[in-house]
Amino acid sequence: MTTSLMATPRRRTIPKLNENHYGRLLAKVHPVVIKTEEQNERSLLRIEALMRKVPRSPEEDALLELLMQLSEDFERGRYKRNTATPMELIRFLLEQRQQSPRDLWDVLGKSRVSEILSGTRPVTKSQAVKLGRFFGISPAPFVFPLEG
């Protein structure tokens, strides 16, 4: 008898919904494609109420997911996001941690920190890895612009 050492991937099980219960929830809430701030605010209030409810039924989870998607779609189209440069991200993270560029000297070297923060030199991949370790985040946003 042979045994496989490879783990089988876990599949996310989707609970079966009670169509009657879900239908009643939909009839009560009347979710629609959000087109106005007022509709979005109402949807956000419903989302908050559902998030506070513990435990939730599978039907309530499905409704919560639907409302969140509708709100996210509205906000993505409504609010344009600026792209943060690696320099801006580093400054932001330092500020959030109440640190200064000097705290990065041991990580990258004094001259490199100055060049990166002045915008005269881009962050290399190896520097991004070091910055990711220092800040405890993925190195990717230090190399590629970050959607904020």
N, C-alpha and C. Protein backbone atom coordinates (compact mmCIF):
# COMPACT_ATOMS: atom_id res chain seq x y z
N MET A 1 0.84 -1.18 0.00
CA MET A 1 0.00 0.00 0.00
C MET A 1 0.89 1.24 0.00
N THR A 2 0.66 2.14 -0.91
CA THR A 2 1.46 3.36 -0.97
C THR A 2 0.66 4.52 -0.42
N THR A 3 1.35 5.38 0.24
CA THR A 3 0.68 6.58 0.76
C THR A 3 1.30 7.79 0.10
N SER A 4 0.50 8.74 -0.16
CA SER A 4 0.98 9.97 -0.78
C SER A 4 1.34 10.97 0.31
N LEU A 5 2.49 11.58 0.17
CA LEU A 5 2.91 12.60 1.13
C LEU A 5 2.38 13.97 0.77
N MET A 6 1.82 14.08 -0.42
CA MET A 6 1.30 15.38 -0.85
C MET A 6 -0.05 15.63 -0.21
N ALA A 7 -0.21 16.80 0.32
CA ALA A 7 -1.49 17.17 0.93
C ALA A 7 -2.49 17.51 -0.17
N THR A 8 -3.69 17.10 0.03
CA THR A 8 -4.72 17.47 -0.93
C THR A 8 -5.22 18.87 -0.59
N PRO A 9 -5.46 19.68 -1.60
CA PRO A 9 -5.91 21.05 -1.33
C PRO A 9 -7.30 21.02 -0.67
N ARG A 10 -7.48 21.90 0.30
CA ARG A 10 -8.77 22.01 0.99
C ARG A 10 -9.70 22.85 0.14
N ARG A 11 -10.87 22.37 -0.01
CA ARG A 11 -11.86 23.11 -0.77
C ARG A 11 -12.79 23.81 0.18
N ARG A 12 -13.10 25.04 -0.16
CA ARG A 12 -14.01 25.83 0.66
C ARG A 12 -15.42 25.32 0.41
N THR A 13 -16.07 24.92 1.45
CA THR A 13 -17.43 24.44 1.28
C THR A 13 -18.38 25.63 1.36
N ILE A 14 -19.31 25.62 0.46
CA ILE A 14 -20.30 26.68 0.43
C ILE A 14 -21.58 26.11 1.03
N PRO A 15 -22.03 26.70 2.15
CA PRO A 15 -23.23 26.15 2.79
C PRO A 15 -24.45 26.31 1.89
N LYS A 16 -25.32 25.33 1.96
CA LYS A 16 -26.56 25.38 1.19
C LYS A 16 -27.47 26.40 1.85
N LEU A 17 -28.02 27.28 1.03
CA LEU A 17 -28.91 28.32 1.53
C LEU A 17 -30.35 27.84 1.55
N ASN A 18 -31.07 28.24 2.55
CA ASN A 18 -32.51 28.03 2.60
C ASN A 18 -33.11 29.13 1.74
N GLU A 19 -33.62 28.74 0.57
CA GLU A 19 -34.10 29.73 -0.39
C GLU A 19 -35.23 30.58 0.16
N ASN A 20 -36.09 30.00 0.96
CA ASN A 20 -37.20 30.78 1.53
C ASN A 20 -36.68 31.86 2.48
N HIS A 21 -35.77 31.47 3.37
CA HIS A 21 -35.21 32.42 4.32
C HIS A 21 -34.44 33.53 3.59
N TYR A 22 -33.61 33.13 2.62
CA TYR A 22 -32.83 34.10 1.87
C TYR A 22 -33.76 35.03 1.08
N GLY A 23 -34.80 34.48 0.51
CA GLY A 23 -35.78 35.29 -0.23
C GLY A 23 -36.45 36.32 0.67
N ARG A 24 -36.78 35.91 1.90
CA ARG A 24 -37.39 36.87 2.85
C ARG A 24 -36.41 37.98 3.20
N LEU A 25 -35.14 37.62 3.39
CA LEU A 25 -34.13 38.64 3.68
C LEU A 25 -33.98 39.62 2.52
N LEU A 26 -33.93 39.08 1.31
CA LEU A 26 -33.81 39.95 0.13
C LEU A 26 -35.03 40.86 -0.01
N ALA A 27 -36.21 40.32 0.24
CA ALA A 27 -37.43 41.12 0.15
C ALA A 27 -37.44 42.23 1.20
N LYS A 28 -36.89 41.95 2.36
CA LYS A 28 -36.85 42.95 3.44
C LYS A 28 -35.84 44.06 3.13
N VAL A 29 -34.70 43.71 2.57
CA VAL A 29 -33.60 44.66 2.36
C VAL A 29 -33.68 45.33 0.99
N HIS A 30 -34.15 44.65 -0.01
CA HIS A 30 -34.22 45.16 -1.39
C HIS A 30 -32.87 45.66 -1.88
N PRO A 31 -31.85 44.79 -1.93
CA PRO A 31 -30.54 45.25 -2.42
C PRO A 31 -30.61 45.61 -3.90
N VAL A 32 -29.98 46.73 -4.23
CA VAL A 32 -29.93 47.20 -5.61
C VAL A 32 -28.52 47.68 -5.91
N VAL A 33 -28.21 47.85 -7.19
CA VAL A 33 -26.93 48.44 -7.57
C VAL A 33 -26.93 49.86 -7.00
N ILE A 34 -25.89 50.18 -6.25
CA ILE A 34 -25.81 51.47 -5.56
C ILE A 34 -25.36 52.54 -6.54
N LYS A 35 -26.14 53.62 -6.58
CA LYS A 35 -25.83 54.72 -7.51
C LYS A 35 -25.66 56.06 -6.82
N THR A 36 -26.05 56.16 -5.54
CA THR A 36 -25.94 57.44 -4.84
C THR A 36 -25.28 57.24 -3.47
N GLU A 37 -24.79 58.34 -2.92
CA GLU A 37 -24.21 58.32 -1.57
C GLU A 37 -25.26 57.86 -0.55
N GLU A 38 -26.48 58.33 -0.71
CA GLU A 38 -27.55 57.97 0.23
C GLU A 38 -27.79 56.46 0.23
N GLN A 39 -27.85 55.87 -0.96
CA GLN A 39 -28.01 54.41 -1.04
C GLN A 39 -26.83 53.70 -0.40
N ASN A 40 -25.64 54.21 -0.62
CA ASN A 40 -24.45 53.59 -0.04
C ASN A 40 -24.47 53.68 1.48
N GLU A 41 -24.87 54.83 2.01
CA GLU A 41 -24.94 54.98 3.46
C GLU A 41 -25.93 53.99 4.06
N ARG A 42 -27.09 53.82 3.41
CA ARG A 42 -28.08 52.85 3.91
C ARG A 42 -27.50 51.44 3.87
N SER A 43 -26.81 51.14 2.79
CA SER A 43 -26.21 49.81 2.66
C SER A 43 -25.14 49.59 3.73
N LEU A 44 -24.32 50.61 4.00
CA LEU A 44 -23.29 50.49 5.02
C LEU A 44 -23.88 50.26 6.40
N LEU A 45 -25.01 50.89 6.69
CA LEU A 45 -25.69 50.67 7.98
C LEU A 45 -26.15 49.22 8.10
N ARG A 46 -26.69 48.68 7.01
CA ARG A 46 -27.13 47.28 7.02
C ARG A 46 -25.92 46.34 7.17
N ILE A 47 -24.83 46.69 6.50
CA ILE A 47 -23.61 45.89 6.60
C ILE A 47 -23.13 45.86 8.05
N GLU A 48 -23.08 47.02 8.68
CA GLU A 48 -22.63 47.10 10.07
C GLU A 48 -23.52 46.28 10.99
N ALA A 49 -24.83 46.37 10.79
CA ALA A 49 -25.77 45.62 11.62
C ALA A 49 -25.55 44.11 11.45
N LEU A 50 -25.36 43.67 10.22
CA LEU A 50 -25.12 42.24 9.98
C LEU A 50 -23.78 41.80 10.56
N MET A 51 -22.78 42.66 10.48
CA MET A 51 -21.46 42.29 11.01
C MET A 51 -21.50 42.15 12.53
N ARG A 52 -22.35 42.93 13.18
CA ARG A 52 -22.46 42.84 14.64
C ARG A 52 -23.23 41.60 15.09
N LYS A 53 -24.04 41.06 14.21
CA LYS A 53 -24.88 39.92 14.55
C LYS A 53 -24.02 38.65 14.62
N VAL A 54 -24.03 38.01 15.78
CA VAL A 54 -23.26 36.79 15.96
C VAL A 54 -24.13 35.82 16.75
N PRO A 55 -24.32 34.64 16.28
CA PRO A 55 -23.89 34.10 15.00
C PRO A 55 -24.86 34.53 13.90
N ARG A 56 -24.37 34.41 12.66
CA ARG A 56 -25.21 34.70 11.50
C ARG A 56 -25.56 33.39 10.80
N SER A 57 -26.71 33.38 10.20
CA SER A 57 -27.10 32.22 9.40
C SER A 57 -26.36 32.28 8.06
N PRO A 58 -26.30 31.17 7.34
CA PRO A 58 -25.68 31.19 6.01
C PRO A 58 -26.37 32.20 5.08
N GLU A 59 -27.67 32.37 5.24
CA GLU A 59 -28.41 33.32 4.42
C GLU A 59 -28.01 34.76 4.75
N GLU A 60 -27.79 35.03 6.03
CA GLU A 60 -27.35 36.37 6.44
C GLU A 60 -25.93 36.62 5.96
N ASP A 61 -25.09 35.60 5.98
CA ASP A 61 -23.73 35.74 5.45
C ASP A 61 -23.77 36.05 3.95
N ALA A 62 -24.65 35.37 3.23
CA ALA A 62 -24.77 35.61 1.79
C ALA A 62 -25.24 37.03 1.52
N LEU A 63 -26.21 37.50 2.31
CA LEU A 63 -26.70 38.87 2.15
C LEU A 63 -25.59 39.87 2.48
N LEU A 64 -24.85 39.61 3.54
CA LEU A 64 -23.73 40.49 3.93
C LEU A 64 -22.72 40.57 2.79
N GLU A 65 -22.37 39.44 2.22
CA GLU A 65 -21.41 39.42 1.11
C GLU A 65 -21.93 40.22 -0.08
N LEU A 66 -23.21 40.06 -0.39
CA LEU A 66 -23.83 40.80 -1.50
C LEU A 66 -23.79 42.30 -1.25
N LEU A 67 -24.19 42.73 -0.06
CA LEU A 67 -24.21 44.16 0.26
C LEU A 67 -22.80 44.74 0.24
N MET A 68 -21.83 43.99 0.75
CA MET A 68 -20.45 44.48 0.75
C MET A 68 -19.94 44.64 -0.68
N GLN A 69 -20.28 43.71 -1.55
CA GLN A 69 -19.84 43.79 -2.94
C GLN A 69 -20.48 45.00 -3.64
N LEU A 70 -21.76 45.21 -3.39
CA LEU A 70 -22.44 46.36 -4.00
C LEU A 70 -21.83 47.68 -3.54
N SER A 71 -21.53 47.77 -2.25
CA SER A 71 -20.93 48.99 -1.71
C SER A 71 -19.51 49.18 -2.24
N GLU A 72 -18.76 48.10 -2.28
CA GLU A 72 -17.38 48.19 -2.79
C GLU A 72 -17.37 48.63 -4.26
N ASP A 73 -18.28 48.07 -5.05
CA ASP A 73 -18.36 48.46 -6.47
C ASP A 73 -18.67 49.94 -6.61
N PHE A 74 -19.60 50.44 -5.81
CA PHE A 74 -19.95 51.87 -5.86
C PHE A 74 -18.75 52.72 -5.49
N GLU A 75 -18.10 52.38 -4.37
CA GLU A 75 -16.98 53.19 -3.88
C GLU A 75 -15.78 53.13 -4.83
N ARG A 76 -15.54 52.00 -5.44
CA ARG A 76 -14.43 51.89 -6.39
C ARG A 76 -14.65 52.82 -7.58
N GLY A 77 -15.88 52.91 -8.04
CA GLY A 77 -16.17 53.79 -9.17
C GLY A 77 -16.29 55.24 -8.78
N ARG A 78 -16.65 55.50 -7.55
CA ARG A 78 -16.92 56.86 -7.09
C ARG A 78 -15.67 57.58 -6.60
N TYR A 79 -14.84 56.87 -5.87
CA TYR A 79 -13.67 57.49 -5.24
C TYR A 79 -12.41 57.02 -5.95
N LYS A 80 -11.79 57.92 -6.64
CA LYS A 80 -10.54 57.59 -7.31
C LYS A 80 -9.43 57.54 -6.28
N ARG A 81 -8.62 56.55 -6.39
CA ARG A 81 -7.52 56.39 -5.44
C ARG A 81 -6.22 56.86 -6.08
N ASN A 82 -5.43 57.53 -5.29
CA ASN A 82 -4.12 57.96 -5.76
C ASN A 82 -3.12 56.83 -5.58
N THR A 83 -2.12 56.83 -6.40
CA THR A 83 -1.07 55.84 -6.29
C THR A 83 0.04 56.41 -5.41
N ALA A 84 0.39 55.64 -4.38
CA ALA A 84 1.48 56.06 -3.49
C ALA A 84 2.80 55.57 -4.06
N THR A 85 3.76 56.47 -4.16
CA THR A 85 5.09 56.07 -4.61
C THR A 85 5.80 55.37 -3.45
N PRO A 86 6.82 54.57 -3.74
CA PRO A 86 7.58 53.95 -2.65
C PRO A 86 8.11 54.99 -1.65
N MET A 87 8.54 56.15 -2.16
CA MET A 87 9.03 57.22 -1.29
C MET A 87 7.92 57.68 -0.33
N GLU A 88 6.71 57.90 -0.86
CA GLU A 88 5.59 58.34 -0.03
C GLU A 88 5.21 57.27 0.98
N LEU A 89 5.25 56.02 0.55
CA LEU A 89 4.92 54.92 1.45
C LEU A 89 5.91 54.86 2.61
N ILE A 90 7.18 54.98 2.32
CA ILE A 90 8.20 54.94 3.38
C ILE A 90 7.99 56.09 4.35
N ARG A 91 7.77 57.29 3.83
CA ARG A 91 7.52 58.44 4.71
C ARG A 91 6.29 58.20 5.59
N PHE A 92 5.23 57.67 4.99
CA PHE A 92 3.99 57.41 5.73
C PHE A 92 4.23 56.39 6.84
N LEU A 93 4.91 55.29 6.50
CA LEU A 93 5.15 54.25 7.50
C LEU A 93 6.04 54.76 8.63
N LEU A 94 7.04 55.55 8.29
CA LEU A 94 7.88 56.13 9.34
C LEU A 94 7.06 57.02 10.25
N GLU A 95 6.21 57.84 9.66
CA GLU A 95 5.37 58.75 10.45
C GLU A 95 4.43 57.97 11.37
N GLN A 96 3.82 56.90 10.83
CA GLN A 96 2.89 56.10 11.62
C GLN A 96 3.58 55.44 12.81
N ARG A 97 4.85 55.12 12.64
CA ARG A 97 5.60 54.47 13.71
C ARG A 97 6.37 55.48 14.56
N GLN A 98 6.15 56.74 14.29
CA GLN A 98 6.83 57.83 15.00
C GLN A 98 8.35 57.63 14.93
N GLN A 99 8.81 57.37 13.71
CA GLN A 99 10.23 57.19 13.47
C GLN A 99 10.70 58.23 12.46
N SER A 100 12.00 58.29 12.27
CA SER A 100 12.57 59.23 11.31
C SER A 100 13.40 58.46 10.29
N PRO A 101 13.79 59.12 9.20
CA PRO A 101 14.65 58.45 8.22
C PRO A 101 15.92 57.87 8.85
N ARG A 102 16.38 58.49 9.90
CA ARG A 102 17.58 58.01 10.59
C ARG A 102 17.41 56.54 11.05
N ASP A 103 16.17 56.14 11.37
CA ASP A 103 15.92 54.78 11.80
C ASP A 103 16.15 53.75 10.69
N LEU A 104 16.22 54.22 9.46
CA LEU A 104 16.46 53.33 8.32
C LEU A 104 17.95 53.23 7.96
N TRP A 105 18.79 54.03 8.57
CA TRP A 105 20.21 54.05 8.22
C TRP A 105 20.84 52.66 8.37
N ASP A 106 20.51 51.95 9.45
CA ASP A 106 21.08 50.62 9.67
C ASP A 106 20.52 49.60 8.67
N VAL A 107 19.38 49.90 8.09
CA VAL A 107 18.74 48.98 7.15
C VAL A 107 19.30 49.15 5.74
N LEU A 108 19.40 50.41 5.29
CA LEU A 108 19.79 50.69 3.90
C LEU A 108 21.08 51.48 3.76
N GLY A 109 21.49 52.12 4.82
CA GLY A 109 22.64 53.02 4.73
C GLY A 109 22.16 54.46 4.61
N LYS A 110 22.90 55.36 5.21
CA LYS A 110 22.50 56.77 5.27
C LYS A 110 22.30 57.38 3.89
N SER A 111 23.25 57.18 2.98
CA SER A 111 23.15 57.83 1.67
C SER A 111 21.99 57.25 0.86
N ARG A 112 21.76 55.94 0.94
CA ARG A 112 20.65 55.33 0.20
C ARG A 112 19.31 55.84 0.70
N VAL A 113 19.15 55.96 2.00
CA VAL A 113 17.90 56.48 2.57
C VAL A 113 17.65 57.88 2.04
N SER A 114 18.68 58.70 2.05
CA SER A 114 18.55 60.08 1.57
C SER A 114 18.18 60.10 0.09
N GLU A 115 18.84 59.27 -0.71
CA GLU A 115 18.56 59.24 -2.15
C GLU A 115 17.15 58.74 -2.44
N ILE A 116 16.71 57.71 -1.72
CA ILE A 116 15.36 57.17 -1.95
C ILE A 116 14.30 58.19 -1.53
N LEU A 117 14.49 58.80 -0.37
CA LEU A 117 13.48 59.75 0.13
C LEU A 117 13.48 61.08 -0.63
N SER A 118 14.55 61.37 -1.34
CA SER A 118 14.57 62.58 -2.16
C SER A 118 14.06 62.29 -3.57
N GLY A 119 13.87 61.01 -3.87
CA GLY A 119 13.36 60.63 -5.19
C GLY A 119 14.43 60.53 -6.26
N THR A 120 15.70 60.60 -5.88
CA THR A 120 16.76 60.54 -6.89
C THR A 120 17.18 59.11 -7.21
N ARG A 121 16.78 58.15 -6.38
CA ARG A 121 17.15 56.75 -6.61
C ARG A 121 15.95 55.88 -6.29
N PRO A 122 15.61 54.92 -7.20
CA PRO A 122 14.50 54.01 -6.91
C PRO A 122 14.91 52.95 -5.90
N VAL A 123 13.94 52.31 -5.30
CA VAL A 123 14.18 51.21 -4.37
C VAL A 123 14.48 49.96 -5.20
N THR A 124 15.58 49.28 -4.90
CA THR A 124 15.90 48.04 -5.58
C THR A 124 15.11 46.90 -4.93
N LYS A 125 15.10 45.76 -5.59
CA LYS A 125 14.37 44.61 -5.04
C LYS A 125 14.96 44.16 -3.71
N SER A 126 16.28 44.15 -3.60
CA SER A 126 16.89 43.72 -2.34
C SER A 126 16.60 44.73 -1.22
N GLN A 127 16.58 46.03 -1.57
CA GLN A 127 16.22 47.04 -0.58
C GLN A 127 14.74 46.89 -0.17
N ALA A 128 13.89 46.54 -1.14
CA ALA A 128 12.47 46.36 -0.85
C ALA A 128 12.27 45.23 0.15
N VAL A 129 13.05 44.15 0.00
CA VAL A 129 12.96 43.03 0.95
C VAL A 129 13.36 43.51 2.35
N LYS A 130 14.42 44.28 2.44
CA LYS A 130 14.88 44.80 3.74
C LYS A 130 13.83 45.74 4.34
N LEU A 131 13.25 46.60 3.50
CA LEU A 131 12.21 47.51 4.00
C LEU A 131 10.98 46.74 4.45
N GLY A 132 10.62 45.70 3.69
CA GLY A 132 9.48 44.87 4.07
C GLY A 132 9.68 44.23 5.42
N ARG A 133 10.90 43.72 5.66
CA ARG A 133 11.21 43.13 6.97
C ARG A 133 11.15 44.19 8.08
N PHE A 134 11.72 45.35 7.80
CA PHE A 134 11.76 46.41 8.80
C PHE A 134 10.35 46.86 9.19
N PHE A 135 9.48 47.05 8.19
CA PHE A 135 8.13 47.55 8.47
C PHE A 135 7.12 46.42 8.73
N GLY A 136 7.52 45.18 8.48
CA GLY A 136 6.62 44.06 8.72
C GLY A 136 5.52 43.93 7.68
N ILE A 137 5.82 44.31 6.43
CA ILE A 137 4.84 44.19 5.36
C ILE A 137 5.51 43.54 4.14
N SER A 138 4.72 43.28 3.13
CA SER A 138 5.25 42.73 1.88
C SER A 138 6.22 43.72 1.25
N PRO A 139 7.28 43.24 0.61
CA PRO A 139 8.21 44.15 -0.07
C PRO A 139 7.63 44.73 -1.37
N ALA A 140 6.59 44.15 -1.91
CA ALA A 140 6.05 44.57 -3.22
C ALA A 140 5.76 46.06 -3.34
N PRO A 141 5.09 46.71 -2.38
CA PRO A 141 4.77 48.13 -2.58
C PRO A 141 5.98 49.05 -2.62
N PHE A 142 7.13 48.57 -2.18
CA PHE A 142 8.33 49.40 -2.24
C PHE A 142 8.94 49.40 -3.64
N VAL A 143 8.56 48.41 -4.44
CA VAL A 143 9.08 48.30 -5.80
C VAL A 143 8.03 48.73 -6.81
N PHE A 144 6.79 48.34 -6.56
CA PHE A 144 5.69 48.64 -7.46
C PHE A 144 4.79 49.66 -6.79
N PRO A 145 4.27 50.63 -7.51
CA PRO A 145 3.37 51.62 -6.90
C PRO A 145 2.19 50.94 -6.22
N LEU A 146 1.79 51.50 -5.11
CA LEU A 146 0.72 50.95 -4.27
C LEU A 146 -0.56 51.71 -4.48
N GLU A 147 -1.64 51.00 -4.81
CA GLU A 147 -2.94 51.65 -4.89
C GLU A 147 -3.37 51.96 -3.48
N GLY A 148 -3.63 53.23 -3.19
CA GLY A 148 -3.98 53.62 -1.83
C GLY A 148 -5.44 53.84 -1.64
